[in-house]
Amino acid sequence: MTNNQLTFATQETIVQPVGGLVVEPPQEQDHVLGANGADFEVVNPEGHWADFAPPPEIQRNQYGDTYMCVSFSKNNILEFLAKKQFGETINLSDIFLGSGSGTTPGRGNSKRTVSEWQRLNGAVTESDYPYTNETTLAKAYATLAPELLEKGKEWLKTHELFYKWLPANDPQNLLLGLKFSPLQVDVSGSYVTDGDGFIAWNPNNPSYNHEVAIFDYEMGKCWWIFDSETQQALKFAWEYPFGSPMIHAL
């Protein structure tokens, strides 16, 4: 946990997320770590991913929020994996994934839908299809051009994608999952802090409506979080009840 480029939000700088998650719990046919489907390869035995963090990217600009937190967090995880496994720095287009997977303006999308669309349709880079402060919401949600979709399929000729749910969301399972990839998890989009300054579950808003990525931890104290609503990393309380944790393979 030595990435000097990481800065952490404080109680004064925490950004309250808009959200963008459609909750879709795992189904019987889904692959679950240790239960069904081929096991993934352990990529990072200690589960510390901070040294492989990509630059943070924001899911909103002057025109409003894209509600594409599921796509942003999914791409962030692939960017962590590419740097750790292959020494490759990549920056994937988040609005390509968000728009292509059918994200709904003002509502969002589910992890399964986004992951399955990307598994079948691939990815393009941010330089191919950028999201900037000048990108309107209409542009972010525009129908993808055929040549761009073809470029996404070309990406699949050199990359293969898999995803699995963890069997539970307790710290032991989260630590196990981090051996394979950063974790895509559901959180409540209403951030409150505990006495240690960590984000805790808000009993006044007990629902999951936002998606983030766990990328590191301080044992027994907190989890380090990438959140596409802020350019600062967050620290969540150790016992935070993250929803439907998912791992990815590249």
C-alpha atoms as a PDB file:
ATOM      1  CA  MET A   1       0.000   0.000   0.000  1.00  0.00           C
ATOM      2  CA  THR A   2       2.616   2.482  -1.127  1.00  0.00           C
ATOM      3  CA  ASN A   3       1.024   4.275  -4.070  1.00  0.00           C
ATOM      4  CA  ASN A   4       2.000   7.876  -3.385  1.00  0.00           C
ATOM      5  CA  GLN A   5      -0.481   9.173  -5.961  1.00  0.00           C
ATOM      6  CA  LEU A   6      -3.454   8.095  -3.866  1.00  0.00           C
ATOM      7  CA  THR A   7      -5.202  10.663  -1.717  1.00  0.00           C
ATOM      8  CA  PHE A   8      -8.057   9.879   0.630  1.00  0.00           C
ATOM      9  CA  ALA A   9     -11.239  11.807   1.229  1.00  0.00           C
ATOM     10  CA  THR A  10     -11.833  13.294   4.651  1.00  0.00           C
ATOM     11  CA  GLN A  11     -15.145  13.931   6.392  1.00  0.00           C
ATOM     12  CA  GLU A  12     -15.062  17.392   4.811  1.00  0.00           C
ATOM     13  CA  THR A  13     -14.308  16.249   1.247  1.00  0.00           C
ATOM     14  CA  ILE A  14     -16.478  13.117   0.927  1.00  0.00           C
ATOM     15  CA  VAL A  15     -18.721  13.392  -2.136  1.00  0.00           C
ATOM     16  CA  GLN A  16     -22.245  12.024  -1.763  1.00  0.00           C
ATOM     17  CA  PRO A  17     -22.798   9.793  -4.822  1.00  0.00           C
ATOM     18  CA  VAL A  18     -25.845   9.950  -7.051  1.00  0.00           C
ATOM     19  CA  GLY A  19     -25.643   6.210  -7.678  1.00  0.00           C
ATOM     20  CA  GLY A  20     -26.587   4.200 -10.737  1.00  0.00           C
ATOM     21  CA  LEU A  21     -26.921   0.606  -9.550  1.00  0.00           C
ATOM     22  CA  VAL A  22     -29.820  -1.657 -10.439  1.00  0.00           C
ATOM     23  CA  VAL A  23     -29.689  -4.407  -7.809  1.00  0.00           C
ATOM     24  CA  GLU A  24     -29.764  -7.854  -9.391  1.00  0.00           C
ATOM     25  CA  PRO A  25     -28.693 -10.545  -6.907  1.00  0.00           C
ATOM     26  CA  PRO A  26     -26.818 -13.647  -8.101  1.00  0.00           C
ATOM     27  CA  GLN A  27     -28.982 -16.338  -9.696  1.00  0.00           C
ATOM     28  CA  GLU A  28     -28.746 -20.106  -9.515  1.00  0.00           C
ATOM     29  CA  GLN A  29     -26.947 -20.399 -12.861  1.00  0.00           C
ATOM     30  CA  ASP A  30     -24.342 -17.763 -11.993  1.00  0.00           C
ATOM     31  CA  HIS A  31     -20.762 -18.754 -11.287  1.00  0.00           C
ATOM     32  CA  VAL A  32     -19.755 -18.401  -7.643  1.00  0.00           C
ATOM     33  CA  LEU A  33     -16.175 -18.681  -6.408  1.00  0.00           C
ATOM     34  CA  GLY A  34     -15.533 -22.187  -5.083  1.00  0.00           C
ATOM     35  CA  ALA A  35     -18.961 -23.456  -6.113  1.00  0.00           C
ATOM     36  CA  ASN A  36     -19.180 -23.777  -9.897  1.00  0.00           C
ATOM     37  CA  GLY A  37     -17.296 -22.932 -13.047  1.00  0.00           C
ATOM     38  CA  ALA A  38     -13.534 -23.119 -13.486  1.00  0.00           C
ATOM     39  CA  ASP A  39     -11.570 -21.543 -10.647  1.00  0.00           C
ATOM     40  CA  PHE A  40      -9.713 -18.317 -11.372  1.00  0.00           C
ATOM     41  CA  GLU A  41      -5.949 -18.006 -11.043  1.00  0.00           C
ATOM     42  CA  VAL A  42      -4.691 -16.248  -7.931  1.00  0.00           C
ATOM     43  CA  VAL A  43      -3.162 -13.028  -9.238  1.00  0.00           C
ATOM     44  CA  ASN A  44      -2.251 -11.169  -6.039  1.00  0.00           C
ATOM     45  CA  PRO A  45      -1.818 -13.459  -3.001  1.00  0.00           C
ATOM     46  CA  GLU A  46      -1.689 -10.603  -0.475  1.00  0.00           C
ATOM     47  CA  GLY A  47      -4.696  -8.828  -1.954  1.00  0.00           C
ATOM     48  CA  HIS A  48      -3.064  -5.379  -1.982  1.00  0.00           C
ATOM     49  CA  TRP A  49      -3.739  -3.547  -5.280  1.00  0.00           C
ATOM     50  CA  ALA A  50      -2.834   0.064  -4.446  1.00  0.00           C
ATOM     51  CA  ASP A  51       0.401   0.023  -6.433  1.00  0.00           C
ATOM     52  CA  PHE A  52      -1.548  -0.831  -9.589  1.00  0.00           C
ATOM     53  CA  ALA A  53      -4.227   1.850  -9.292  1.00  0.00           C
ATOM     54  CA  PRO A  54      -5.221   3.698 -12.471  1.00  0.00           C
ATOM     55  CA  PRO A  55      -5.902   7.443 -12.324  1.00  0.00           C
ATOM     56  CA  PRO A  56      -9.417   8.057 -10.946  1.00  0.00           C
ATOM     57  CA  GLU A  57     -12.111   9.093 -13.402  1.00  0.00           C
ATOM     58  CA  ILE A  58     -15.371  10.856 -12.606  1.00  0.00           C
ATOM     59  CA  GLN A  59     -18.756   9.660 -13.867  1.00  0.00           C
ATOM     60  CA  ARG A  60     -20.199  13.178 -14.008  1.00  0.00           C
ATOM     61  CA  ASN A  61     -19.347  16.539 -15.552  1.00  0.00           C
ATOM     62  CA  GLN A  62     -20.875  19.975 -16.077  1.00  0.00           C
ATOM     63  CA  TYR A  63     -23.879  18.403 -17.836  1.00  0.00           C
ATOM     64  CA  GLY A  64     -24.800  16.049 -15.008  1.00  0.00           C
ATOM     65  CA  ASP A  65     -24.257  12.514 -13.780  1.00  0.00           C
ATOM     66  CA  THR A  66     -24.101   9.584 -16.190  1.00  0.00           C
ATOM     67  CA  TYR A  67     -25.332   7.025 -13.606  1.00  0.00           C
ATOM     68  CA  MET A  68     -22.679   4.698 -15.052  1.00  0.00           C
ATOM     69  CA  CYS A  69     -21.010   3.696 -11.771  1.00  0.00           C
ATOM     70  CA  VAL A  70     -21.260  -0.007 -12.660  1.00  0.00           C
ATOM     71  CA  SER A  71     -19.362   0.560 -15.915  1.00  0.00           C
ATOM     72  CA  PHE A  72     -16.759   2.848 -14.331  1.00  0.00           C
ATOM     73  CA  SER A  73     -16.057   0.420 -11.472  1.00  0.00           C
ATOM     74  CA  LYS A  74     -15.891  -2.566 -13.849  1.00  0.00           C
ATOM     75  CA  ASN A  75     -13.372  -0.841 -16.117  1.00  0.00           C
ATOM     76  CA  ASN A  76     -11.335   0.320 -13.123  1.00  0.00           C
ATOM     77  CA  ILE A  77     -10.935  -3.294 -12.061  1.00  0.00           C
ATOM     78  CA  LEU A  78      -9.761  -4.353 -15.524  1.00  0.00           C
ATOM     79  CA  GLU A  79      -7.254  -1.474 -15.488  1.00  0.00           C
ATOM     80  CA  PHE A  80      -5.897  -2.696 -12.124  1.00  0.00           C
ATOM     81  CA  LEU A  81      -5.640  -6.246 -13.499  1.00  0.00           C
ATOM     82  CA  ALA A  82      -3.902  -5.228 -16.727  1.00  0.00           C
ATOM     83  CA  LYS A  83      -1.204  -3.358 -14.818  1.00  0.00           C
ATOM     84  CA  LYS A  84      -0.666  -6.131 -12.245  1.00  0.00           C
ATOM     85  CA  GLN A  85      -0.732  -9.089 -14.625  1.00  0.00           C
ATOM     86  CA  PHE A  86       0.813  -7.699 -17.786  1.00  0.00           C
ATOM     87  CA  GLY A  87       2.501  -4.429 -16.804  1.00  0.00           C
ATOM     88  CA  GLU A  88       0.088  -2.806 -19.240  1.00  0.00           C
ATOM     89  CA  THR A  89      -1.413   0.630 -18.584  1.00  0.00           C
ATOM     90  CA  ILE A  90      -4.834   0.808 -20.210  1.00  0.00           C
ATOM     91  CA  ASN A  91      -7.648   3.338 -20.019  1.00  0.00           C
ATOM     92  CA  LEU A  92     -10.948   1.861 -21.185  1.00  0.00           C
ATOM     93  CA  SER A  93     -13.879   3.928 -22.400  1.00  0.00           C
ATOM     94  CA  ASP A  94     -16.522   3.986 -19.691  1.00  0.00           C
ATOM     95  CA  ILE A  95     -19.308   5.470 -21.807  1.00  0.00           C
ATOM     96  CA  PHE A  96     -18.713   2.819 -24.479  1.00  0.00           C
ATOM     97  CA  LEU A  97     -19.476   0.198 -21.835  1.00  0.00           C
ATOM     98  CA  GLY A  98     -22.222   2.208 -20.163  1.00  0.00           C
ATOM     99  CA  SER A  99     -24.115   3.023 -23.328  1.00  0.00           C
ATOM    100  CA  GLY A 100     -23.539  -0.318 -25.053  1.00  0.00           C
ATOM    101  CA  SER A 101     -24.746  -2.327 -22.046  1.00  0.00           C
ATOM    102  CA  GLY A 102     -28.017  -0.407 -21.914  1.00  0.00           C
ATOM    103  CA  THR A 103     -27.513   1.742 -18.832  1.00  0.00           C
ATOM    104  CA  THR A 104     -30.675   3.747 -18.122  1.00  0.00           C
ATOM    105  CA  PRO A 105     -30.320   7.521 -17.577  1.00  0.00           C
ATOM    106  CA  GLY A 106     -31.276   8.416 -14.014  1.00  0.00           C
ATOM    107  CA  ARG A 107     -31.383   4.752 -12.969  1.00  0.00           C
ATOM    108  CA  GLY A 108     -28.230   2.881 -13.925  1.00  0.00           C
ATOM    109  CA  ASN A 109     -27.551  -0.782 -14.626  1.00  0.00           C
ATOM    110  CA  SER A 110     -26.772  -4.113 -12.965  1.00  0.00           C
ATOM    111  CA  LYS A 111     -23.395  -5.807 -12.585  1.00  0.00           C
ATOM    112  CA  ARG A 112     -24.508  -8.911 -14.433  1.00  0.00           C
ATOM    113  CA  THR A 113     -25.832  -6.975 -17.430  1.00  0.00           C
ATOM    114  CA  VAL A 114     -22.716  -4.805 -17.752  1.00  0.00           C
ATOM    115  CA  SER A 115     -20.261  -7.676 -17.263  1.00  0.00           C
ATOM    116  CA  GLU A 116     -22.047  -9.969 -19.706  1.00  0.00           C
ATOM    117  CA  TRP A 117     -22.275  -7.275 -22.387  1.00  0.00           C
ATOM    118  CA  GLN A 118     -18.567  -6.536 -22.050  1.00  0.00           C
ATOM    119  CA  ARG A 119     -17.685 -10.244 -22.122  1.00  0.00           C
ATOM    120  CA  LEU A 120     -19.442 -10.555 -25.478  1.00  0.00           C
ATOM    121  CA  ASN A 121     -18.720  -7.140 -27.008  1.00  0.00           C
ATOM    122  CA  GLY A 122     -15.316  -6.161 -25.674  1.00  0.00           C
ATOM    123  CA  ALA A 123     -13.937  -2.710 -25.022  1.00  0.00           C
ATOM    124  CA  VAL A 124     -12.389   0.320 -26.661  1.00  0.00           C
ATOM    125  CA  THR A 125      -9.985   2.813 -25.164  1.00  0.00           C
ATOM    126  CA  GLU A 126     -10.756   6.250 -23.813  1.00  0.00           C
ATOM    127  CA  SER A 127      -8.918   7.736 -26.802  1.00  0.00           C
ATOM    128  CA  ASP A 128     -11.297   5.859 -29.119  1.00  0.00           C
ATOM    129  CA  TYR A 129     -14.417   7.102 -27.327  1.00  0.00           C
ATOM    130  CA  PRO A 130     -13.657   9.736 -24.674  1.00  0.00           C
ATOM    131  CA  TYR A 131     -15.734  11.118 -21.840  1.00  0.00           C
ATOM    132  CA  THR A 132     -14.690  14.691 -21.037  1.00  0.00           C
ATOM    133  CA  ASN A 133     -16.151  17.751 -19.358  1.00  0.00           C
ATOM    134  CA  GLU A 134     -17.588  18.686 -22.759  1.00  0.00           C
ATOM    135  CA  THR A 135     -19.452  15.394 -23.254  1.00  0.00           C
ATOM    136  CA  THR A 136     -23.187  15.957 -23.015  1.00  0.00           C
ATOM    137  CA  LEU A 137     -25.458  13.322 -21.519  1.00  0.00           C
ATOM    138  CA  ALA A 138     -26.987  12.850 -24.968  1.00  0.00           C
ATOM    139  CA  LYS A 139     -23.525  12.027 -26.319  1.00  0.00           C
ATOM    140  CA  ALA A 140     -22.738   9.729 -23.385  1.00  0.00           C
ATOM    141  CA  TYR A 141     -25.889   7.739 -24.139  1.00  0.00           C
ATOM    142  CA  ALA A 142     -25.687   7.919 -27.937  1.00  0.00           C
ATOM    143  CA  THR A 143     -26.111   4.736 -29.961  1.00  0.00           C
ATOM    144  CA  LEU A 144     -22.678   3.298 -30.639  1.00  0.00           C
ATOM    145  CA  ALA A 145     -21.505   3.468 -34.243  1.00  0.00           C
ATOM    146  CA  PRO A 146     -21.026   0.114 -36.043  1.00  0.00           C
ATOM    147  CA  GLU A 147     -17.315   0.753 -36.562  1.00  0.00           C
ATOM    148  CA  LEU A 148     -16.878   1.388 -32.823  1.00  0.00           C
ATOM    149  CA  LEU A 149     -18.690  -1.835 -31.965  1.00  0.00           C
ATOM    150  CA  GLU A 150     -16.443  -3.664 -34.406  1.00  0.00           C
ATOM    151  CA  LYS A 151     -13.389  -2.212 -32.671  1.00  0.00           C
ATOM    152  CA  GLY A 152     -14.715  -3.551 -29.369  1.00  0.00           C
ATOM    153  CA  LYS A 153     -14.969  -7.029 -30.888  1.00  0.00           C
ATOM    154  CA  GLU A 154     -11.381  -6.700 -32.153  1.00  0.00           C
ATOM    155  CA  TRP A 155     -10.284  -6.178 -28.522  1.00  0.00           C
ATOM    156  CA  LEU A 156     -11.709  -9.601 -27.685  1.00  0.00           C
ATOM    157  CA  LYS A 157      -9.218 -11.230 -30.048  1.00  0.00           C
ATOM    158  CA  THR A 158      -6.468 -10.489 -27.504  1.00  0.00           C
ATOM    159  CA  HIS A 159      -8.451 -10.310 -24.240  1.00  0.00           C
ATOM    160  CA  GLU A 160     -10.828 -12.748 -22.558  1.00  0.00           C
ATOM    161  CA  LEU A 161     -13.142 -11.760 -19.702  1.00  0.00           C
ATOM    162  CA  PHE A 162     -14.702 -13.740 -16.844  1.00  0.00           C
ATOM    163  CA  TYR A 163     -16.588 -12.794 -13.689  1.00  0.00           C
ATOM    164  CA  LYS A 164     -17.807 -14.556 -10.557  1.00  0.00           C
ATOM    165  CA  TRP A 165     -19.675 -13.695  -7.396  1.00  0.00           C
ATOM    166  CA  LEU A 166     -18.204 -14.357  -3.972  1.00  0.00           C
ATOM    167  CA  PRO A 167     -20.268 -16.723  -1.809  1.00  0.00           C
ATOM    168  CA  ALA A 168     -20.639 -14.156   0.999  1.00  0.00           C
ATOM    169  CA  ASN A 169     -19.725 -10.585   1.964  1.00  0.00           C
ATOM    170  CA  ASP A 170     -17.940 -11.153   5.283  1.00  0.00           C
ATOM    171  CA  PRO A 171     -14.320  -9.967   5.670  1.00  0.00           C
ATOM    172  CA  GLN A 172     -12.927 -13.488   5.211  1.00  0.00           C
ATOM    173  CA  ASN A 173     -14.582 -13.822   1.794  1.00  0.00           C
ATOM    174  CA  LEU A 174     -13.624 -10.288   0.767  1.00  0.00           C
ATOM    175  CA  LEU A 175      -9.980 -11.014   1.604  1.00  0.00           C
ATOM    176  CA  LEU A 176     -10.187 -14.228  -0.398  1.00  0.00           C
ATOM    177  CA  GLY A 177     -11.671 -12.383  -3.363  1.00  0.00           C
ATOM    178  CA  LEU A 178      -8.925  -9.767  -3.356  1.00  0.00           C
ATOM    179  CA  LYS A 179      -6.415 -12.498  -4.209  1.00  0.00           C
ATOM    180  CA  PHE A 180      -8.044 -12.647  -7.651  1.00  0.00           C
ATOM    181  CA  SER A 181      -8.984  -9.039  -8.416  1.00  0.00           C
ATOM    182  CA  PRO A 182     -10.245  -5.837  -6.861  1.00  0.00           C
ATOM    183  CA  LEU A 183     -13.863  -6.366  -5.824  1.00  0.00           C
ATOM    184  CA  GLN A 184     -16.913  -4.822  -7.433  1.00  0.00           C
ATOM    185  CA  VAL A 185     -19.414  -4.225  -4.618  1.00  0.00           C
ATOM    186  CA  ASP A 186     -22.771  -2.575  -3.958  1.00  0.00           C
ATOM    187  CA  VAL A 187     -22.969   0.228  -1.387  1.00  0.00           C
ATOM    188  CA  SER A 188     -25.554   2.634  -0.092  1.00  0.00           C
ATOM    189  CA  GLY A 189     -25.287   5.971  -1.870  1.00  0.00           C
ATOM    190  CA  SER A 190     -25.660   7.805   1.423  1.00  0.00           C
ATOM    191  CA  TYR A 191     -22.272   8.177   3.076  1.00  0.00           C
ATOM    192  CA  VAL A 192     -22.002   8.661   6.828  1.00  0.00           C
ATOM    193  CA  THR A 193     -18.836   8.260   8.883  1.00  0.00           C
ATOM    194  CA  ASP A 194     -18.161   6.499  12.152  1.00  0.00           C
ATOM    195  CA  GLY A 195     -15.996   7.665  15.031  1.00  0.00           C
ATOM    196  CA  ASP A 196     -12.840   6.651  13.179  1.00  0.00           C
ATOM    197  CA  GLY A 197     -13.777   8.652  10.091  1.00  0.00           C
ATOM    198  CA  PHE A 198     -14.577   5.539   8.031  1.00  0.00           C
ATOM    199  CA  ILE A 199     -17.736   5.317   5.923  1.00  0.00           C
ATOM    200  CA  ALA A 200     -20.286   3.188   7.754  1.00  0.00           C
ATOM    201  CA  TRP A 201     -23.640   1.675   6.842  1.00  0.00           C
ATOM    202  CA  ASN A 202     -26.389   4.275   7.066  1.00  0.00           C
ATOM    203  CA  PRO A 203     -29.408   2.733   8.878  1.00  0.00           C
ATOM    204  CA  ASN A 204     -31.541   5.648   7.697  1.00  0.00           C
ATOM    205  CA  ASN A 205     -30.934   4.699   4.058  1.00  0.00           C
ATOM    206  CA  PRO A 206     -30.612   0.897   4.131  1.00  0.00           C
ATOM    207  CA  SER A 207     -30.525   0.183   0.409  1.00  0.00           C
ATOM    208  CA  TYR A 208     -27.887  -0.460  -2.232  1.00  0.00           C
ATOM    209  CA  ASN A 209     -27.871   2.021  -5.108  1.00  0.00           C
ATOM    210  CA  HIS A 210     -24.219   2.668  -5.964  1.00  0.00           C
ATOM    211  CA  GLU A 211     -21.279   0.592  -7.225  1.00  0.00           C
ATOM    212  CA  VAL A 212     -17.635   0.935  -6.180  1.00  0.00           C
ATOM    213  CA  ALA A 213     -14.440  -1.156  -6.214  1.00  0.00           C
ATOM    214  CA  ILE A 214     -12.516  -2.401  -3.163  1.00  0.00           C
ATOM    215  CA  PHE A 215      -8.813  -2.353  -4.045  1.00  0.00           C
ATOM    216  CA  ASP A 216      -6.972  -2.634  -0.723  1.00  0.00           C
ATOM    217  CA  TYR A 217      -7.416  -2.876   3.024  1.00  0.00           C
ATOM    218  CA  GLU A 218      -5.979  -2.224   6.461  1.00  0.00           C
ATOM    219  CA  MET A 219      -6.516  -5.478   8.302  1.00  0.00           C
ATOM    220  CA  GLY A 220      -9.331  -5.242  10.819  1.00  0.00           C
ATOM    221  CA  LYS A 221      -9.702  -1.487  10.297  1.00  0.00           C
ATOM    222  CA  CYS A 222     -11.023  -0.507   6.867  1.00  0.00           C
ATOM    223  CA  TRP A 223     -11.315  -1.187   3.140  1.00  0.00           C
ATOM    224  CA  TRP A 224      -9.840   1.105   0.471  1.00  0.00           C
ATOM    225  CA  ILE A 225     -12.373   2.083  -2.167  1.00  0.00           C
ATOM    226  CA  PHE A 226     -12.311   3.471  -5.714  1.00  0.00           C
ATOM    227  CA  ASP A 227     -15.500   5.505  -6.256  1.00  0.00           C
ATOM    228  CA  SER A 228     -16.210   7.099  -9.640  1.00  0.00           C
ATOM    229  CA  GLU A 229     -17.999  10.006  -7.955  1.00  0.00           C
ATOM    230  CA  THR A 230     -14.729  11.379  -6.545  1.00  0.00           C
ATOM    231  CA  GLN A 231     -11.039  11.710  -7.397  1.00  0.00           C
ATOM    232  CA  GLN A 232     -10.117  10.766  -3.844  1.00  0.00           C
ATOM    233  CA  ALA A 233     -10.062   7.219  -2.514  1.00  0.00           C
ATOM    234  CA  LEU A 234     -12.400   6.366   0.350  1.00  0.00           C
ATOM    235  CA  LYS A 235     -12.061   4.248   3.474  1.00  0.00           C
ATOM    236  CA  PHE A 236     -15.046   2.088   4.443  1.00  0.00           C
ATOM    237  CA  ALA A 237     -15.465   0.514   7.879  1.00  0.00           C
ATOM    238  CA  TRP A 238     -14.248  -3.084   8.195  1.00  0.00           C
ATOM    239  CA  GLU A 239     -17.735  -4.424   8.993  1.00  0.00           C
ATOM    240  CA  TYR A 240     -19.525  -2.520   6.214  1.00  0.00           C
ATOM    241  CA  PRO A 241     -22.077  -4.948   4.660  1.00  0.00           C
ATOM    242  CA  PHE A 242     -21.061  -4.676   0.982  1.00  0.00           C
ATOM    243  CA  GLY A 243     -23.652  -6.087  -1.425  1.00  0.00           C
ATOM    244  CA  SER A 244     -23.051  -8.917  -3.915  1.00  0.00           C
ATOM    245  CA  PRO A 245     -19.238  -8.805  -4.166  1.00  0.00           C
ATOM    246  CA  MET A 246     -17.961  -9.813  -7.600  1.00  0.00           C
ATOM    247  CA  ILE A 247     -14.460 -10.670  -8.865  1.00  0.00           C
ATOM    248  CA  HIS A 248     -13.166 -10.413 -12.420  1.00  0.00           C
ATOM    249  CA  ALA A 249     -10.500 -12.088 -14.533  1.00  0.00           C
ATOM    250  CA  LEU A 250      -8.655 -10.702 -17.552  1.00  0.00           C
END
